[in-house]
């Protein structure tokens, strides 16, 4: 019985070429070019072919079992465990559990291959890869500004951790303004945008993240006024953007606002060195170094816009930054013409020929310098501080003078010690207290 030799397509092609060489129709150099092999290797194959025939072209390991092949019994055990005890575990977790609890040490790829042979896929669904492409810059400066904050050890231990709040123009890469704050807060973004508007103009749009400063959480319940209006009330910064006519664009990933994220990486390298060389230790010193550094940075890294001109809008006549860049709250005037705001009490003085503003809805402005102003129908009312009530005085923990006896001096009042006034703690009976029980009167109808 003749021996059967199985050759794949590659080996069959080599056999045809070797037969041509044996017939003298092709020389070794030509065979090497056709097969893509070296002349030395072709000569080696020809010598083996002449000695063993076509069997010399078959791979020597064909039909042999690899030494690292998993045992069939182990595969069966893994499949049984995957379908019984560890059903529902993902491939990586299942691999770890096999090593920890069963003593079966396998790679994740081996476990995955064993499970896929019988059609068992990992229960964990993974997102398919998305195609990402680089976004084109906006053609004109002022069309889009990216704003963000970076909390970092800017002073390298010489002072507190600070938050750097800044804005970068999408068209040119120029840092329009930036400032250090103790933390990323709404007042910092108010100051940032105020400086941009006064120095450059009003930009068309801002690209920002979904921080609570810019938008309210969807988990926050709606108020009655919001339900009646059919929309959520904006945050203080959102209200500011609406008044200035600036479009607010949220981003849903750091990669989307990559321009300002890369800016923070550059600043955490170069600006940190500048702060270290200047020996900055406080917030004020850090801001001074930053504002000296920004023009040099923009001169080094800014690029010209694709189109000439500027998209910044200049504020109209009568624009008062103090009336725009401030926190605004709605309040109702008390019967004694006093407006309450926290611990502050503002007494409205009769103005514009009106003697009383009781029960009027006014707008209270908290400006960046901490001052307060009351507006009614667009007019600023004259106010003065009103005397605080007793609860406010108690809340301020006002101290009282208590005489202290000096026992070494015959018990006379030798000194006066200031002791804080302890707030009164109200007590309410519990639900099971007799006072909470209902009082019933039983009458005999006899």
Protein backbone atom coordinates (compact mmCIF):
# COMPACT_ATOMS: atom_id res chain seq x y z
CA UNK A 1 0.00 0.00 0.00
CA UNK A 2 1.46 3.34 -1.06
CA UNK A 3 2.09 6.05 1.55
CA UNK A 4 -0.27 9.04 1.33
CA UNK A 5 1.25 12.54 1.58
CA UNK A 6 -0.97 15.58 2.20
CA UNK A 7 0.32 18.95 0.98
CA UNK A 8 -1.23 22.38 1.37
CA UNK A 9 -1.39 24.97 -1.43
CA UNK A 10 1.96 26.47 -0.56
CA UNK A 11 3.69 23.08 -0.58
CA UNK A 12 1.95 22.07 -3.81
CA UNK A 13 3.29 25.22 -5.47
CA UNK A 14 6.77 24.37 -4.32
CA UNK A 15 6.36 20.85 -5.73
CA UNK A 16 5.50 22.20 -9.18
CA UNK A 17 8.54 24.48 -9.17
CA UNK A 18 10.85 21.67 -8.01
CA UNK A 19 9.59 19.42 -10.81
CA UNK A 20 10.49 22.16 -13.30
CA UNK A 21 13.97 22.35 -11.78
CA UNK A 22 14.36 18.57 -12.00
CA UNK A 23 13.36 18.63 -15.68
CA UNK A 24 15.98 21.32 -16.39
CA UNK A 25 13.39 23.89 -17.48
CA UNK A 26 14.22 26.23 -14.59
CA UNK A 27 17.47 27.03 -12.83
CA UNK A 28 17.87 27.48 -9.08
CA UNK A 29 18.04 31.27 -9.18
CA UNK A 30 14.79 31.49 -11.11
CA UNK A 31 13.11 29.07 -8.69
CA UNK A 32 14.27 31.21 -5.76
CA UNK A 33 12.67 34.31 -7.32
CA UNK A 34 9.39 32.50 -7.99
CA UNK A 35 9.14 30.99 -4.50
CA UNK A 36 10.43 34.09 -2.70
CA UNK A 37 13.26 32.12 -1.05
CA UNK A 38 17.00 32.41 -1.00
CA UNK A 39 19.09 30.35 -3.45
CA UNK A 40 20.65 28.46 -0.56
CA UNK A 41 17.25 27.42 0.80
CA UNK A 42 16.09 26.31 -2.64
CA UNK A 43 19.13 24.07 -2.99
CA UNK A 44 18.37 22.59 0.45
CA UNK A 45 14.76 21.84 -0.57
CA UNK A 46 15.86 20.31 -3.89
CA UNK A 47 18.33 17.99 -2.10
CA UNK A 48 15.63 16.85 0.34
CA UNK A 49 13.15 16.36 -2.51
CA UNK A 50 15.57 14.14 -4.40
CA UNK A 51 16.15 12.04 -1.27
CA UNK A 52 12.64 11.73 0.25
CA UNK A 53 10.34 12.80 -2.55
CA UNK A 54 7.20 14.88 -1.97
CA UNK A 55 7.15 13.95 1.72
CA UNK A 56 10.15 16.25 2.21
CA UNK A 57 7.95 19.28 1.45
CA UNK A 58 5.48 18.58 4.28
CA UNK A 59 6.14 20.30 7.63
CA UNK A 60 7.90 18.04 10.11
CA UNK A 61 5.46 18.81 12.95
CA UNK A 62 2.38 17.96 10.91
CA UNK A 63 0.20 15.47 12.73
CA UNK A 64 2.06 15.87 16.01
CA UNK A 65 0.37 17.04 19.17
CA UNK A 66 1.87 20.30 20.55
CA UNK A 67 3.49 19.83 23.97
CA UNK A 68 1.49 22.72 25.47
CA UNK A 69 -1.90 21.39 24.34
CA UNK A 70 -4.48 21.46 27.12
CA UNK A 71 -5.70 18.13 28.32
CA UNK A 72 -9.17 17.14 27.19
CA UNK A 73 -10.14 16.35 30.77
CA UNK A 74 -9.14 19.85 31.90
CA UNK A 75 -11.16 21.42 29.09
CA UNK A 76 -14.17 19.39 30.12
CA UNK A 77 -13.74 20.44 33.75
CA UNK A 78 -13.48 24.13 32.80
CA UNK A 79 -16.65 23.90 30.71
CA UNK A 80 -18.56 22.21 33.53
CA UNK A 81 -17.51 24.87 36.02
CA UNK A 82 -18.37 27.68 33.57
CA UNK A 83 -21.87 26.30 33.07
CA UNK A 84 -22.61 25.50 36.72
CA UNK A 85 -20.87 27.17 39.66
CA UNK A 86 -19.35 30.14 37.85
CA UNK A 87 -22.12 30.77 35.34
CA UNK A 88 -22.43 34.48 34.54
CA UNK A 89 -18.80 35.39 35.36
CA UNK A 90 -16.85 37.26 32.73
CA UNK A 91 -13.77 35.64 31.23
CA UNK A 92 -11.21 37.52 33.31
CA UNK A 93 -13.06 36.96 36.57
CA UNK A 94 -13.65 33.31 35.72
CA UNK A 95 -9.92 32.85 35.04
CA UNK A 96 -9.05 34.36 38.44
CA UNK A 97 -11.62 32.18 40.22
CA UNK A 98 -10.21 29.05 38.59
CA UNK A 99 -6.75 29.86 39.92
CA UNK A 100 -7.92 30.91 43.40
CA UNK A 101 -10.53 28.26 44.17
CA UNK A 102 -9.97 25.34 41.81
CA UNK A 103 -6.20 25.43 41.43
CA UNK A 104 -6.47 25.53 37.61
CA UNK A 105 -3.96 28.07 36.33
CA UNK A 106 -4.78 29.12 32.77
CA UNK A 107 -4.44 32.32 30.79
CA UNK A 108 -7.48 34.41 30.01
CA UNK A 109 -7.06 33.77 26.28
CA UNK A 110 -7.02 30.00 26.86
CA UNK A 111 -10.20 30.15 28.93
CA UNK A 112 -11.84 32.34 26.34
CA UNK A 113 -10.86 29.94 23.55
CA UNK A 114 -12.24 26.94 25.45
CA UNK A 115 -15.56 28.68 26.03
CA UNK A 116 -15.86 29.96 22.45
CA UNK A 117 -15.41 26.43 21.09
CA UNK A 118 -18.83 25.56 22.53
CA UNK A 119 -20.37 29.00 21.90
CA UNK A 120 -20.12 30.49 25.41
CA UNK A 121 -19.39 34.21 25.21
CA UNK A 122 -18.51 36.61 27.99
CA UNK A 123 -21.66 38.11 29.56
CA UNK A 124 -20.02 41.51 29.84
CA UNK A 125 -20.96 43.66 26.89
CA UNK A 126 -18.20 45.89 25.61
CA UNK A 127 -18.71 48.98 23.52
CA UNK A 128 -17.58 48.71 19.93
CA UNK A 129 -14.62 50.95 19.10
CA UNK A 130 -15.59 54.38 17.82
CA UNK A 131 -13.90 56.25 15.06
CA UNK A 132 -12.50 59.54 16.36
CA UNK A 133 -11.19 62.27 14.13
CA UNK A 134 -9.54 65.59 14.88
CA UNK A 135 -11.97 68.49 14.82
CA UNK A 136 -11.21 71.51 12.69
CA UNK A 137 -10.54 74.77 14.50
CA UNK A 138 -13.13 77.51 14.34
CA UNK A 139 -12.21 79.98 11.60
CA UNK A 140 -12.32 83.25 13.62
CA UNK A 141 -11.15 84.17 17.07
CA UNK A 142 -13.95 84.78 19.52
CA UNK A 143 -16.28 82.23 17.95
CA UNK A 144 -15.59 79.58 20.60
CA UNK A 145 -13.74 79.66 23.92
CA UNK A 146 -12.96 76.52 25.90
CA UNK A 147 -13.09 77.06 29.68
CA UNK A 148 -12.11 74.72 32.47
CA UNK A 149 -10.37 74.49 35.84
CA UNK A 150 -7.34 72.50 37.00
CA UNK A 151 -6.79 71.66 40.68
CA UNK A 152 -3.09 70.93 41.07
CA UNK A 153 -0.11 71.35 43.39
CA UNK A 154 1.00 74.42 41.50
CA UNK A 155 3.22 75.75 44.30
CA UNK A 156 4.93 72.37 44.89
CA UNK A 157 4.35 72.42 48.64
CA UNK A 158 5.44 76.03 49.18
CA UNK A 159 1.79 76.97 49.62
CA UNK A 160 -1.71 75.54 49.40
CA UNK A 161 -3.12 73.62 46.46
CA UNK A 162 -4.75 76.03 44.01
CA UNK A 163 -7.25 75.79 41.17
CA UNK A 164 -6.31 77.42 37.90
CA UNK A 165 -9.34 78.67 35.93
CA UNK A 166 -8.72 79.69 32.34
CA UNK A 167 -10.08 80.10 28.82
CA UNK A 168 -8.40 79.35 25.51
CA UNK A 169 -9.53 80.52 22.08
CA UNK A 170 -10.32 77.60 19.80
CA UNK A 171 -9.24 79.37 16.61
CA UNK A 172 -5.84 80.69 17.72
CA UNK A 173 -4.92 78.76 20.88
CA UNK A 174 -4.43 82.07 22.72
CA UNK A 175 -5.13 82.00 26.44
CA UNK A 176 -7.54 84.92 26.69
CA UNK A 177 -7.36 85.01 30.49
CA UNK A 178 -6.66 82.82 33.50
CA UNK A 179 -6.50 83.22 37.26
CA UNK A 180 -5.72 81.20 40.36
CA UNK A 181 -8.42 80.50 42.95
CA UNK A 182 -8.45 78.57 46.20
CA UNK A 183 -11.02 76.28 44.59
CA UNK A 184 -12.99 76.03 41.36
CA UNK A 185 -16.00 78.21 42.10
CA UNK A 186 -18.61 80.28 40.30
CA UNK A 187 -17.09 83.58 41.39
CA UNK A 188 -13.83 82.61 39.70
CA UNK A 189 -15.63 82.00 36.40
CA UNK A 190 -17.48 85.31 36.82
CA UNK A 191 -14.16 87.14 37.21
CA UNK A 192 -12.69 85.21 34.28
CA UNK A 193 -15.50 86.11 31.90
CA UNK A 194 -15.62 89.71 33.10
CA UNK A 195 -11.96 90.21 32.22
CA UNK A 196 -12.49 88.60 28.79
CA UNK A 197 -15.49 90.82 28.01
CA UNK A 198 -13.76 94.03 29.10
CA UNK A 199 -10.48 93.27 27.28
CA UNK A 200 -11.64 91.40 24.15
CA UNK A 201 -15.43 91.49 23.91
CA UNK A 202 -18.33 89.07 24.24
CA UNK A 203 -17.54 85.68 22.65
CA UNK A 204 -20.11 83.80 20.63
CA UNK A 205 -19.97 80.46 22.50
CA UNK A 206 -18.32 78.75 25.46
CA UNK A 207 -17.32 75.07 25.46
CA UNK A 208 -17.34 73.67 28.99
CA UNK A 209 -17.81 70.48 31.00
CA UNK A 210 -20.96 69.53 32.94
CA UNK A 211 -19.85 70.90 36.31
CA UNK A 212 -22.57 72.02 38.70
CA UNK A 213 -21.42 75.61 38.18
CA UNK A 214 -22.64 75.51 34.57
CA UNK A 215 -25.74 73.33 34.75
CA UNK A 216 -28.01 71.91 37.41
CA UNK A 217 -28.14 68.20 38.10
CA UNK A 218 -31.01 66.29 36.54
CA UNK A 219 -31.45 64.48 39.84
CA UNK A 220 -32.39 67.73 41.58
CA UNK A 221 -36.18 67.93 41.91
CA UNK A 222 -37.98 70.68 40.02
CA UNK A 223 -39.59 73.51 41.90
CA UNK A 224 -43.19 74.60 41.40
CA UNK A 225 -42.10 77.63 39.36
CA UNK A 226 -40.00 75.41 37.08
CA UNK A 227 -42.92 73.06 36.55
CA UNK A 228 -45.17 75.98 35.61
CA UNK A 229 -42.60 77.48 33.25
CA UNK A 230 -41.76 74.12 31.70
CA UNK A 231 -37.98 74.51 31.97
CA UNK A 232 -35.21 74.27 34.53
CA UNK A 233 -33.92 77.47 36.05
CA UNK A 234 -30.27 78.06 35.06
CA UNK A 235 -27.42 78.38 37.50
CA UNK A 236 -25.97 81.78 38.26
CA UNK A 237 -23.32 81.34 35.56
CA UNK A 238 -25.92 79.98 33.12
CA UNK A 239 -28.08 83.03 33.77
CA UNK A 240 -25.05 85.27 33.08
CA UNK A 241 -24.47 83.59 29.71
CA UNK A 242 -28.13 84.09 28.78
CA UNK A 243 -27.95 87.80 29.61
CA UNK A 244 -24.80 88.22 27.51
CA UNK A 245 -26.19 86.16 24.62
CA UNK A 246 -23.40 83.55 24.80
CA UNK A 247 -24.16 80.01 23.65
CA UNK A 248 -23.23 77.37 26.24
CA UNK A 249 -22.04 74.08 24.71
CA UNK A 250 -21.50 71.10 27.08
CA UNK A 251 -18.84 68.48 26.41
CA UNK A 252 -19.25 64.86 27.42
CA UNK A 253 -15.61 63.74 27.63
CA UNK A 254 -12.18 65.29 28.34
CA UNK A 255 -11.10 64.29 24.83
CA UNK A 256 -13.79 66.55 23.35
CA UNK A 257 -12.19 69.63 24.95
CA UNK A 258 -8.69 68.40 24.25
CA UNK A 259 -7.31 71.87 23.52
CA UNK A 260 -7.67 73.13 27.07
CA UNK A 261 -6.80 69.72 28.55
CA UNK A 262 -3.47 69.85 26.70
CA UNK A 263 -3.08 73.42 27.93
CA UNK A 264 -3.17 72.19 31.53
CA UNK A 265 -0.49 69.63 30.72
CA UNK A 266 1.74 72.37 29.32
CA UNK A 267 1.05 74.68 32.25
CA UNK A 268 1.77 71.96 34.78
CA UNK A 269 5.20 71.73 33.19
CA UNK A 270 6.15 75.31 32.26
CA UNK A 271 4.06 77.39 34.67
CA UNK A 272 5.09 75.26 37.66
CA UNK A 273 8.71 75.99 36.78
CA UNK A 274 7.95 79.71 36.44
CA UNK A 275 6.29 79.73 39.87
CA UNK A 276 9.23 77.88 41.37
CA UNK A 277 11.77 80.28 39.85
CA UNK A 278 9.77 83.27 41.13
CA UNK A 279 9.46 81.72 44.59
CA UNK A 280 5.67 82.20 44.68
CA UNK A 281 4.09 81.03 47.92
CA UNK A 282 0.67 82.67 48.08
CA UNK A 283 -2.36 83.06 45.87
CA UNK A 284 -1.57 86.68 45.08
CA UNK A 285 2.03 85.93 44.13
CA UNK A 286 0.93 83.03 41.94
CA UNK A 287 -1.54 85.25 40.06
CA UNK A 288 1.14 87.87 39.46
CA UNK A 289 3.49 85.28 37.98
CA UNK A 290 0.65 83.84 35.88
CA UNK A 291 -0.35 87.17 34.35
CA UNK A 292 3.28 87.89 33.45
CA UNK A 293 3.55 84.43 31.89
CA UNK A 294 0.39 84.48 29.73
CA UNK A 295 1.61 86.98 27.07
CA UNK A 296 4.86 85.04 26.62
CA UNK A 297 2.95 81.78 26.34
CA UNK A 298 0.53 83.11 23.71
CA UNK A 299 3.42 84.59 21.72
CA UNK A 300 5.14 81.19 21.73
CA UNK A 301 2.22 78.82 21.09
CA UNK A 302 -0.65 80.81 19.53
CA UNK A 303 -1.38 80.29 15.82
CA UNK A 304 -3.06 82.67 13.35
CA UNK A 305 -6.77 82.18 12.73
CA UNK A 306 -7.92 80.76 9.41
CA UNK A 307 -9.95 83.88 8.67
CA UNK A 308 -9.02 87.46 9.56
CA UNK A 309 -11.14 89.59 11.82
CA UNK A 310 -12.75 88.98 15.18
CA UNK A 311 -16.09 87.47 16.19
CA UNK A 312 -16.12 89.19 19.60
CA UNK A 313 -19.13 91.48 20.15
CA UNK A 314 -18.59 94.74 21.96
CA UNK A 315 -21.04 95.59 24.77
CA UNK A 316 -23.59 98.26 24.00
CA UNK A 317 -23.77 101.74 25.43
CA UNK A 318 -24.65 101.96 29.08
CA UNK A 319 -23.16 98.54 29.80
CA UNK A 320 -22.38 98.36 33.50
CA UNK A 321 -20.23 95.32 34.42
CA UNK A 322 -21.21 95.58 38.09
CA UNK A 323 -24.88 95.05 37.21
CA UNK A 324 -24.15 92.06 34.95
CA UNK A 325 -21.30 90.18 36.59
CA UNK A 326 -22.97 89.56 39.93
CA UNK A 327 -25.11 86.96 41.66
CA UNK A 328 -28.82 87.74 41.43
CA UNK A 329 -31.56 86.52 43.75
CA UNK A 330 -35.32 87.10 43.87
CA UNK A 331 -36.64 88.39 47.20
CA UNK A 332 -39.91 89.66 48.65
CA UNK A 333 -39.78 92.87 50.69
CA UNK A 334 -41.04 92.57 54.27
CA UNK A 335 -43.79 94.78 55.67
CA UNK A 336 -41.16 97.00 57.30
CA UNK A 337 -39.45 97.54 53.88
CA UNK A 338 -36.53 95.28 54.80
CA UNK A 339 -34.91 92.80 52.38
CA UNK A 340 -33.31 89.75 53.94
CA UNK A 341 -30.24 88.00 52.57
CA UNK A 342 -28.57 85.55 54.92
CA UNK A 343 -27.48 87.54 57.93
CA UNK A 344 -27.77 90.82 56.04
CA UNK A 345 -30.76 93.14 56.39
CA UNK A 346 -31.21 96.03 53.95
CA UNK A 347 -33.63 98.85 54.76
CA UNK A 348 -35.16 100.35 51.62
CA UNK A 349 -35.32 104.15 51.70
CA UNK A 350 -38.30 105.80 49.96
CA UNK A 351 -37.20 106.64 46.42
CA UNK A 352 -38.73 107.59 43.06
CA UNK A 353 -41.76 109.08 44.81
CA UNK A 354 -42.74 105.73 46.35
CA UNK A 355 -42.96 105.48 50.12
CA UNK A 356 -43.37 101.74 50.59
CA UNK A 357 -42.19 98.61 48.76
CA UNK A 358 -43.84 96.13 51.11
CA UNK A 359 -44.57 92.74 49.48
CA UNK A 360 -42.87 93.86 46.28
CA UNK A 361 -40.77 91.33 44.35
CA UNK A 362 -37.25 92.75 44.01
CA UNK A 363 -33.95 91.51 42.67
CA UNK A 364 -30.98 91.49 45.03
CA UNK A 365 -27.49 91.72 43.50
CA UNK A 366 -24.46 90.34 45.29
CA UNK A 367 -21.50 91.93 43.54
CA UNK A 368 -17.99 90.60 43.21
CA UNK A 369 -16.66 92.95 45.90
CA UNK A 370 -19.23 91.64 48.41
CA UNK A 371 -21.53 94.67 48.31
CA UNK A 372 -25.31 94.28 48.00
CA UNK A 373 -27.79 96.24 45.88
CA UNK A 374 -31.57 96.02 45.50
CA UNK A 375 -33.27 96.53 42.11
CA UNK A 376 -36.94 97.00 41.39
CA UNK A 377 -38.12 97.04 37.77
CA UNK A 378 -34.58 97.76 36.60
CA UNK A 379 -34.05 100.69 39.01
CA UNK A 380 -31.48 100.55 41.81
CA UNK A 381 -33.13 101.45 45.12
CA UNK A 382 -31.48 103.41 47.89
CA UNK A 383 -30.78 101.19 50.89
CA UNK A 384 -29.03 101.23 54.21
CA UNK A 385 -28.15 98.50 56.73
CA UNK A 386 -31.11 97.58 58.91
CA UNK A 387 -30.77 96.52 62.54
CA UNK A 388 -30.58 92.71 62.80
CA UNK A 389 -33.16 90.70 64.69
CA UNK A 390 -32.49 88.82 67.92
CA UNK A 391 -32.15 85.38 66.23
CA UNK A 392 -29.42 86.77 63.99
CA UNK A 393 -27.59 88.18 66.99
CA UNK A 394 -27.80 84.84 68.76
CA UNK A 395 -26.56 83.04 65.66
CA UNK A 396 -23.49 85.26 65.59
CA UNK A 397 -22.57 83.81 68.99
CA UNK A 398 -22.20 87.20 70.61
CA UNK A 399 -20.22 86.98 73.85
CA UNK A 400 -21.41 88.30 77.17
CA UNK A 401 -19.37 89.49 80.13
CA UNK A 402 -19.54 87.17 83.13
CA UNK A 403 -17.74 88.10 86.38
CA UNK A 404 -15.22 85.55 87.59
CA UNK A 405 -14.44 85.20 91.29
CA UNK A 406 -10.82 85.18 92.33
CA UNK A 407 -10.66 82.77 95.31
CA UNK A 408 -7.18 83.96 96.22
CA UNK A 409 -8.56 87.45 96.82
CA UNK A 410 -11.32 86.65 99.22
CA UNK A 411 -13.83 85.70 96.58
CA UNK A 412 -14.06 89.22 95.17
CA UNK A 413 -14.71 89.89 91.50
CA UNK A 414 -11.13 90.48 90.45
CA UNK A 415 -11.47 89.94 86.69
CA UNK A 416 -14.05 89.81 83.96
CA UNK A 417 -13.95 86.77 81.67
CA UNK A 418 -15.77 86.63 78.34
CA UNK A 419 -17.75 83.47 77.90
CA UNK A 420 -19.68 82.61 74.74
CA UNK A 421 -23.42 82.63 74.92
CA UNK A 422 -24.62 79.04 74.55
CA UNK A 423 -27.49 78.65 72.08
CA UNK A 424 -30.78 77.48 73.53
CA UNK A 425 -31.58 73.88 72.69
CA UNK A 426 -35.27 73.26 72.12
CA UNK A 427 -36.78 69.99 73.37
CA UNK A 428 -39.67 68.19 71.80
CA UNK A 429 -41.44 65.17 73.25
CA UNK A 430 -41.04 61.87 71.41
CA UNK A 431 -43.78 60.09 69.50
CA UNK A 432 -44.39 57.69 72.42
CA UNK A 433 -44.61 60.44 75.05
CA UNK A 434 -47.93 60.72 76.93
CA UNK A 435 -48.37 64.21 75.57
CA UNK A 436 -48.50 62.73 72.06
CA UNK A 437 -51.28 60.29 72.93
CA UNK A 438 -54.81 61.24 71.83
CA UNK A 439 -57.19 62.39 74.56
CA UNK A 440 -60.55 60.65 74.37
CA UNK A 441 -63.67 61.35 76.45
CA UNK A 442 -66.05 58.45 76.95
CA UNK A 443 -69.64 59.43 77.74
CA UNK A 444 -72.21 57.05 79.06
CA UNK A 445 -75.43 57.29 77.11
CA UNK A 446 -77.27 55.24 79.74
